[in-house]
N, C-alpha and C. Protein backbone atom coordinates (compact mmCIF):
# COMPACT_ATOMS: atom_id res chain seq x y z
N MET A 1 0.81 -1.27 -0.45
CA MET A 1 -0.43 -0.10 -0.69
C MET A 1 0.83 1.46 0.07
N PHE A 2 2.06 1.32 0.55
CA PHE A 2 2.50 2.32 0.41
C PHE A 2 4.48 2.30 0.76
N ARG A 3 4.51 2.48 -0.42
CA ARG A 3 5.93 2.56 -0.51
C ARG A 3 6.85 3.16 -0.22
N VAL A 4 8.27 2.69 0.61
CA VAL A 4 8.95 3.61 0.74
C VAL A 4 10.51 3.63 0.25
N LEU A 5 10.90 5.04 -0.12
CA LEU A 5 12.32 5.28 -1.00
C LEU A 5 13.30 5.09 -0.30
N VAL A 6 14.33 4.59 -0.42
CA VAL A 6 15.50 5.20 0.55
C VAL A 6 16.45 5.67 -0.90
N ASP A 7 17.02 6.72 -0.48
CA ASP A 7 18.80 7.30 -1.48
C ASP A 7 19.43 7.58 -0.06
N TYR A 8 20.88 7.74 -0.68
CA TYR A 8 22.41 9.41 0.37
C TYR A 8 20.66 10.46 0.96
N ILE A 9 20.18 11.22 -0.36
CA ILE A 9 20.33 12.37 -0.05
C ILE A 9 18.71 12.14 0.93
N ARG A 10 17.45 11.67 1.61
CA ARG A 10 17.14 11.15 1.81
C ARG A 10 17.73 10.54 3.42
N LEU A 11 17.83 9.71 3.29
CA LEU A 11 19.19 9.56 4.22
C LEU A 11 19.96 10.73 5.09
N VAL A 12 20.27 11.58 4.27
CA VAL A 12 21.21 13.21 5.28
C VAL A 12 20.14 13.87 5.74
N PHE A 13 19.07 13.93 5.16
CA PHE A 13 17.98 15.21 5.70
C PHE A 13 17.05 13.37 7.04
N ILE A 14 16.61 12.37 6.97
CA ILE A 14 15.98 12.22 8.03
C ILE A 14 17.71 12.84 9.56
N GLY A 15 18.55 11.76 8.94
CA GLY A 15 20.04 12.17 9.97
C GLY A 15 19.46 13.29 10.78
N THR A 16 19.43 14.79 9.75
CA THR A 16 19.34 16.36 9.94
C THR A 16 18.13 16.77 10.81
N VAL A 17 17.41 14.87 10.90
CA VAL A 17 15.99 15.72 11.59
C VAL A 17 15.95 14.73 12.71
N ILE A 18 16.74 14.03 12.42
CA ILE A 18 16.78 13.39 13.95
C ILE A 18 17.86 14.06 15.50
N VAL A 19 19.41 14.72 14.24
CA VAL A 19 20.27 14.88 15.59
C VAL A 19 19.73 16.43 15.69
N ILE A 20 18.45 17.38 15.29
CA ILE A 20 17.92 17.85 15.97
C ILE A 20 16.77 18.29 16.31
N GLY A 21 16.94 16.90 16.38
CA GLY A 21 14.95 16.79 17.35
C GLY A 21 16.55 15.76 18.62
N GLY A 22 17.39 15.53 18.48
CA GLY A 22 17.99 14.87 19.37
C GLY A 22 18.44 15.57 20.70
N ARG A 23 18.93 16.72 20.13
CA ARG A 23 19.70 18.53 20.68
C ARG A 23 18.73 18.98 21.40
N VAL A 24 17.77 19.05 20.79
CA VAL A 24 15.43 19.65 20.93
C VAL A 24 15.66 18.38 22.43
N LEU A 25 15.73 17.56 22.45
CA LEU A 25 15.48 17.01 23.81
C LEU A 25 15.89 16.31 24.88
N ILE A 26 17.85 16.98 24.28
CA ILE A 26 18.22 17.18 25.18
C ILE A 26 17.76 18.18 25.49
N TYR A 27 18.28 19.57 24.99
CA TYR A 27 18.12 20.89 25.85
C TYR A 27 16.93 20.83 26.51
N THR A 28 15.98 20.24 26.12
CA THR A 28 14.11 20.62 27.18
C THR A 28 14.52 19.87 28.87
N ARG A 29 15.25 18.10 28.42
CA ARG A 29 16.26 17.94 29.40
C ARG A 29 16.28 18.45 30.90
N TRP A 30 17.13 19.65 30.57
CA TRP A 30 18.27 20.53 31.25
C TRP A 30 17.20 21.81 31.14
N TYR A 31 16.56 21.99 31.32
CA TYR A 31 14.95 23.22 30.78
C TYR A 31 14.37 23.27 31.65
N ILE A 32 13.40 22.39 31.11
CA ILE A 32 11.96 22.01 31.05
C ILE A 32 11.44 20.59 32.21
N SER A 33 12.86 19.85 32.49
CA SER A 33 12.22 18.70 33.24
C SER A 33 11.35 18.69 34.42
N ASP A 34 11.46 20.03 35.55
CA ASP A 34 10.79 19.67 36.58
C ASP A 34 9.57 19.94 36.21
N GLU A 35 9.29 21.13 34.89
CA GLU A 35 7.34 20.91 34.91
C GLU A 35 6.16 20.02 34.17
N LEU A 36 5.49 20.74 34.78
CA LEU A 36 3.62 19.19 34.34
C LEU A 36 4.08 19.46 33.80
N TYR A 37 4.04 18.89 32.41
CA TYR A 37 3.59 18.73 30.99
C TYR A 37 4.41 18.17 29.99
N TYR A 38 6.43 17.96 30.89
CA TYR A 38 7.60 18.22 30.81
C TYR A 38 6.65 16.37 29.62
N LYS A 39 6.69 15.17 30.00
CA LYS A 39 6.12 14.38 29.00
C LYS A 39 5.51 14.17 28.18
N ARG A 40 4.65 15.27 28.59
CA ARG A 40 3.30 15.55 26.93
C ARG A 40 4.06 15.82 25.88
N PHE A 41 4.88 16.48 26.50
CA PHE A 41 6.36 17.68 25.12
C PHE A 41 6.97 17.02 25.02
N VAL A 42 7.73 16.51 25.41
CA VAL A 42 8.66 15.18 24.74
C VAL A 42 7.92 14.48 23.83
N SER A 43 6.73 14.05 24.50
CA SER A 43 6.07 13.31 23.68
C SER A 43 5.43 13.19 22.47
N LEU A 44 4.98 14.55 22.91
CA LEU A 44 4.54 15.28 21.40
C LEU A 44 5.62 15.58 20.25
N VAL A 45 7.37 16.22 20.58
CA VAL A 45 8.33 16.33 19.78
C VAL A 45 8.16 15.33 19.26
N LEU A 46 9.06 14.20 19.68
CA LEU A 46 9.14 13.04 19.32
C LEU A 46 7.66 12.59 18.17
N LEU A 47 6.72 12.72 17.94
CA LEU A 47 5.84 12.55 17.31
C LEU A 47 6.02 13.78 16.24
N PHE A 48 5.88 14.37 16.11
CA PHE A 48 7.01 15.24 14.74
C PHE A 48 8.01 15.22 14.44
N ILE A 49 8.92 14.48 14.77
CA ILE A 49 10.57 13.81 14.94
C ILE A 49 9.26 12.96 13.04
N LEU A 50 8.91 11.69 14.69
CA LEU A 50 8.13 10.62 13.43
C LEU A 50 7.12 11.32 11.81
N SER A 51 7.06 12.87 12.61
CA SER A 51 5.60 13.03 10.56
C SER A 51 6.46 12.77 9.72
N ILE A 52 7.82 13.21 10.34
CA ILE A 52 8.66 14.66 9.76
C ILE A 52 10.09 13.35 8.60
N VAL A 53 9.80 12.21 9.86
CA VAL A 53 10.72 11.19 9.15
C VAL A 53 9.74 10.60 8.01
N LEU A 54 8.16 10.36 8.37
CA LEU A 54 7.77 9.79 7.22
C LEU A 54 7.46 10.71 5.76
N ILE A 55 7.50 12.25 6.68
CA ILE A 55 6.91 12.85 5.10
C ILE A 55 8.89 13.04 4.03
N ILE A 56 9.54 12.57 4.93
CA ILE A 56 10.99 12.52 4.09
C ILE A 56 10.47 10.92 3.24
N LEU A 57 10.42 10.07 3.70
CA LEU A 57 10.38 8.76 3.37
C LEU A 57 9.31 8.16 1.77
N ILE A 58 8.12 8.15 2.76
CA ILE A 58 6.44 8.78 2.16
C ILE A 58 7.40 9.38 1.01
N PRO A 59 6.94 8.94 -0.90
CA PRO A 59 6.98 9.61 -1.85
C PRO A 59 5.60 9.64 -2.87
N ASN A 60 4.25 9.43 -1.85
CA ASN A 60 3.44 10.18 -2.29
C ASN A 60 2.38 11.01 -1.59
N LEU A 61 1.91 11.18 -2.54
CA LEU A 61 0.79 12.91 -1.49
C LEU A 61 0.04 12.29 -0.35
N ILE A 62 -0.37 11.10 -0.50
CA ILE A 62 -1.97 10.38 0.23
C ILE A 62 -0.79 9.78 1.12
N GLY A 63 0.19 9.24 1.28
CA GLY A 63 1.14 9.16 2.04
C GLY A 63 1.80 10.33 3.37
N ILE A 64 2.09 11.39 2.27
CA ILE A 64 2.91 12.81 2.96
C ILE A 64 1.48 12.97 3.70
N LEU A 65 0.23 13.25 2.99
CA LEU A 65 -0.99 13.66 4.50
C LEU A 65 -0.85 12.34 5.35
N ILE A 66 -0.81 11.16 4.94
CA ILE A 66 -1.50 10.65 6.56
C ILE A 66 -0.72 10.74 7.21
N GLY A 67 1.06 10.73 7.28
CA GLY A 67 2.13 11.41 7.49
C GLY A 67 2.50 12.38 8.56
């Protein structure tokens, strides 16, 4: 149903997204770890990273809209 295309350019973009997302998560652990909604924020950031990776990997429009 869904095709996934992987080439070196997509891998570079995925690596960039994961590095930046990881840095955001490291910074938020230091900065807002004592806040009330810290776990909610971390889960939203992880969902955002997942959706960006899906947008990079899936080549068709319907898959992009679902991701």
